[in-house]
Amino acid sequence: MHNKKTNIEKAFSTNYCQQVENVKKRLIITNETFPLIRNEQVFWQGEQLQLFSRQYLNKKISFSKLTDIEATILHCIFTRHHDGYIRQKHLQALWQTSQPTIAVPFVIKLLGEYVLEILFDVEIFFNKFSDVCYQFLLENPKFWATQKRRVVSYWNEYYRYGYNENIIGKRYYERLTNYPIWQFVQKIDSELKKWQ
């Protein structure tokens, strides 16, 4: 397995091979913790990356003695955790990263999910590291279009018609134009036009 690229290695730039290897030593990687399904292809800084859909690692992991790059990589991996609270915790940790270029593909991928609290936290990251985020989106128009379709789909499923027992709280947005994540997406699209 060490000679073959895993889902983790494919998700990060080859510039960080050693740091990814150091992080992998802390993880128990199996077909159960990293199922080989639904990787999404993106391009970033001249490389093709494969973002994995979900991982099922033990949420208790040590961050001691990690470099900033290694910590960023580990936080990125945990933004793909099956537990939304874990995803949110590690996304919030990325607000403080000095390596936003590593994190941006993972953060933008979170925009295609349905948990509002996480989506609001994506907006915080985006506003803090907007230059990096816009550069990533310009390199990935198909991925961005997919994320926007997901925003609409999840709005329709979870937030359009009122209270849903599977969603915490009672927020709903009958019109897409009132949905705060769609408003954020529209703001991004408007700003992207200035970058082109």
Protein backbone atom coordinates (compact mmCIF):
# COMPACT_ATOMS: atom_id res chain seq x y z
CA MET A 1 0.00 0.00 0.00
CA HIS A 2 2.91 2.38 0.57
CA ASN A 3 3.97 2.24 -3.09
CA LYS A 4 0.44 2.90 -4.35
CA LYS A 5 -1.16 6.32 -4.05
CA THR A 6 -4.07 6.34 -1.62
CA ASN A 7 -7.07 8.64 -1.62
CA ILE A 8 -5.20 10.89 0.79
CA GLU A 9 -2.15 11.40 -1.40
CA LYS A 10 -4.27 12.06 -4.47
CA ALA A 11 -6.06 14.89 -2.63
CA PHE A 12 -2.93 16.97 -2.04
CA SER A 13 -0.27 18.56 -4.19
CA THR A 14 2.84 16.51 -4.85
CA ASN A 15 4.71 19.42 -3.23
CA TYR A 16 3.53 18.02 0.11
CA CYS A 17 4.36 14.31 -0.34
CA GLN A 18 6.56 14.16 2.76
CA GLN A 19 4.08 16.02 4.94
CA VAL A 20 1.22 13.79 3.75
CA GLU A 21 3.33 10.73 4.58
CA ASN A 22 3.99 12.11 8.08
CA VAL A 23 0.26 12.67 8.61
CA LYS A 24 -0.64 9.20 7.29
CA LYS A 25 1.52 7.64 10.00
CA ARG A 26 -1.02 8.93 12.55
CA LEU A 27 -4.01 7.41 10.76
CA ILE A 28 -5.42 3.92 10.47
CA ILE A 29 -6.20 3.68 6.77
CA THR A 30 -8.37 0.81 5.56
CA ASN A 31 -11.05 0.33 2.91
CA GLU A 32 -13.57 1.00 5.68
CA THR A 33 -12.03 4.28 6.87
CA PHE A 34 -11.39 5.50 3.31
CA PRO A 35 -13.85 3.86 0.94
CA LEU A 36 -12.78 4.10 -2.69
CA ILE A 37 -15.89 5.85 -3.93
CA ARG A 38 -16.86 9.16 -5.49
CA ASN A 39 -13.60 11.04 -5.67
CA GLU A 40 -14.03 14.41 -7.32
CA GLN A 41 -11.40 15.78 -9.67
CA VAL A 42 -10.19 19.36 -9.34
CA PHE A 43 -7.23 21.26 -10.73
CA TRP A 44 -5.14 23.42 -8.48
CA GLN A 45 -1.84 25.14 -9.09
CA GLY A 46 -1.01 23.03 -12.12
CA GLU A 47 -1.96 19.66 -10.63
CA GLN A 48 -4.93 17.36 -10.81
CA LEU A 49 -6.22 16.46 -7.34
CA GLN A 50 -8.82 13.87 -6.33
CA LEU A 51 -10.98 14.98 -3.39
CA PHE A 52 -12.46 12.08 -1.50
CA SER A 53 -16.09 12.10 -0.49
CA ARG A 54 -16.11 10.84 3.09
CA GLN A 55 -13.79 9.24 5.55
CA TYR A 56 -14.54 7.31 8.71
CA LEU A 57 -11.39 7.78 10.76
CA ASN A 58 -11.34 7.81 14.53
CA LYS A 59 -12.03 11.42 15.49
CA LYS A 60 -9.50 11.33 18.33
CA ILE A 61 -6.21 12.23 16.71
CA SER A 62 -3.14 13.92 18.08
CA PHE A 63 -1.93 17.15 16.54
CA SER A 64 1.18 17.29 18.72
CA LYS A 65 4.51 17.84 16.99
CA LEU A 66 2.96 18.60 13.61
CA THR A 67 4.27 21.36 11.40
CA ASP A 68 1.76 23.98 10.25
CA ILE A 69 1.58 22.30 6.85
CA GLU A 70 0.97 18.88 8.42
CA ALA A 71 -1.70 20.28 10.76
CA THR A 72 -3.42 21.93 7.79
CA ILE A 73 -3.36 18.64 5.87
CA LEU A 74 -4.84 16.78 8.84
CA HIS A 75 -7.57 19.41 9.31
CA CYS A 76 -8.38 19.12 5.59
CA ILE A 77 -8.71 15.35 5.87
CA PHE A 78 -11.11 15.76 8.79
CA THR A 79 -13.30 18.22 6.85
CA ARG A 80 -14.36 15.06 4.98
CA HIS A 81 -15.32 13.17 8.18
CA HIS A 82 -18.72 11.52 8.25
CA ASP A 83 -19.65 13.41 11.45
CA GLY A 84 -20.74 16.98 10.69
CA TYR A 85 -19.57 18.28 14.07
CA ILE A 86 -16.08 16.96 13.34
CA ARG A 87 -16.15 18.51 9.85
CA GLN A 88 -17.13 21.85 11.35
CA LYS A 89 -14.50 21.75 14.10
CA HIS A 90 -11.71 21.15 11.59
CA LEU A 91 -13.07 23.72 9.15
CA GLN A 92 -13.00 26.30 11.93
CA ALA A 93 -9.39 25.35 12.68
CA LEU A 94 -8.56 26.16 9.05
CA TRP A 95 -9.55 29.79 9.66
CA GLN A 96 -6.14 30.13 11.35
CA THR A 97 -4.03 28.32 8.77
CA SER A 98 -1.03 29.95 7.19
CA GLN A 99 -1.51 27.51 4.28
CA PRO A 100 -4.85 28.44 2.66
CA THR A 101 -3.72 27.10 -0.72
CA ILE A 102 -3.70 23.59 0.78
CA ALA A 103 -7.12 24.02 2.39
CA VAL A 104 -9.13 25.77 -0.33
CA PRO A 105 -10.21 22.68 -2.34
CA PHE A 106 -11.53 21.03 0.82
CA VAL A 107 -13.32 24.16 2.01
CA ILE A 108 -15.00 24.82 -1.34
CA LYS A 109 -16.09 21.16 -1.42
CA LEU A 110 -17.95 21.80 1.85
CA LEU A 111 -20.14 24.37 0.04
CA GLY A 112 -21.80 21.42 -1.66
CA GLU A 113 -23.22 20.11 1.61
CA TYR A 114 -26.41 20.82 3.52
CA VAL A 115 -25.49 21.75 7.11
CA LEU A 116 -26.08 25.50 7.37
CA GLU A 117 -23.70 26.01 10.27
CA ILE A 118 -20.87 24.51 8.22
CA LEU A 119 -21.84 26.58 5.20
CA PHE A 120 -21.73 29.77 7.25
CA ASP A 121 -18.25 28.76 8.42
CA VAL A 122 -17.17 28.24 4.81
CA GLU A 123 -18.16 31.84 4.17
CA ILE A 124 -15.87 32.98 7.00
CA PHE A 125 -12.93 31.09 5.47
CA PHE A 126 -13.82 32.41 2.02
CA ASN A 127 -13.91 36.01 3.21
CA LYS A 128 -10.59 35.64 5.02
CA PHE A 129 -8.81 33.98 2.07
CA SER A 130 -10.85 35.34 -0.82
CA ASP A 131 -7.95 35.76 -3.28
CA VAL A 132 -6.98 32.08 -2.97
CA CYS A 133 -10.64 31.00 -3.16
CA TYR A 134 -11.33 33.00 -6.33
CA GLN A 135 -8.17 31.67 -7.98
CA PHE A 136 -9.29 28.11 -7.17
CA LEU A 137 -12.77 28.71 -8.58
CA LEU A 138 -11.36 30.18 -11.78
CA GLU A 139 -9.31 27.01 -12.29
CA ASN A 140 -12.35 24.81 -11.61
CA PRO A 141 -15.46 26.12 -13.40
CA LYS A 142 -17.05 22.64 -13.71
CA PHE A 143 -16.49 21.88 -10.03
CA TRP A 144 -17.93 25.29 -9.10
CA ALA A 145 -21.00 24.66 -11.28
CA THR A 146 -21.48 21.31 -9.51
CA GLN A 147 -21.21 22.94 -6.11
CA LYS A 148 -23.84 25.52 -7.08
CA ARG A 149 -26.20 22.76 -8.24
CA ARG A 150 -25.69 21.04 -4.90
CA VAL A 151 -26.53 24.26 -3.03
CA VAL A 152 -29.83 24.47 -4.93
CA SER A 153 -30.55 20.77 -4.46
CA TYR A 154 -29.95 20.84 -0.70
CA TRP A 155 -31.97 24.05 -0.35
CA ASN A 156 -34.85 22.34 -2.12
CA GLU A 157 -34.56 19.18 -0.02
CA TYR A 158 -33.93 20.60 3.46
CA TYR A 159 -34.71 24.32 3.66
CA ARG A 160 -37.44 25.18 1.18
CA TYR A 161 -40.57 23.80 2.82
CA GLY A 162 -40.14 24.41 6.51
CA TYR A 163 -39.26 22.36 9.51
CA ASN A 164 -37.63 19.03 8.91
CA GLU A 165 -37.11 16.74 11.88
CA ASN A 166 -33.66 15.80 10.57
CA ILE A 167 -32.45 19.41 10.66
CA ILE A 168 -31.76 21.25 13.90
CA GLY A 169 -33.94 24.32 14.29
CA LYS A 170 -36.80 25.61 12.23
CA ARG A 171 -35.12 27.75 9.57
CA TYR A 172 -36.62 27.61 6.15
CA TYR A 173 -36.40 29.71 3.01
CA GLU A 174 -39.35 29.36 0.67
CA ARG A 175 -37.55 31.25 -2.10
CA LEU A 176 -34.07 30.34 -3.25
CA THR A 177 -33.22 34.05 -3.40
CA ASN A 178 -33.79 34.27 0.37
CA TYR A 179 -31.54 31.31 1.16
CA PRO A 180 -28.35 32.82 2.66
CA ILE A 181 -26.03 30.28 1.04
CA TRP A 182 -27.49 31.02 -2.39
CA GLN A 183 -26.99 34.73 -1.70
CA PHE A 184 -23.36 33.96 -0.86
CA VAL A 185 -22.99 31.93 -4.08
CA GLN A 186 -24.43 34.82 -6.09
CA LYS A 187 -21.98 37.21 -4.42
CA ILE A 188 -19.12 34.89 -5.36
CA ASP A 189 -20.32 34.68 -8.98
CA SER A 190 -20.58 38.44 -9.18
CA GLU A 191 -17.05 38.86 -7.84
CA LEU A 192 -15.69 36.09 -10.09
CA LYS A 193 -16.67 38.14 -13.15
CA LYS A 194 -14.23 40.82 -11.99
CA TRP A 195 -11.44 38.22 -11.80
CA GLN A 196 -11.88 37.00 -15.37
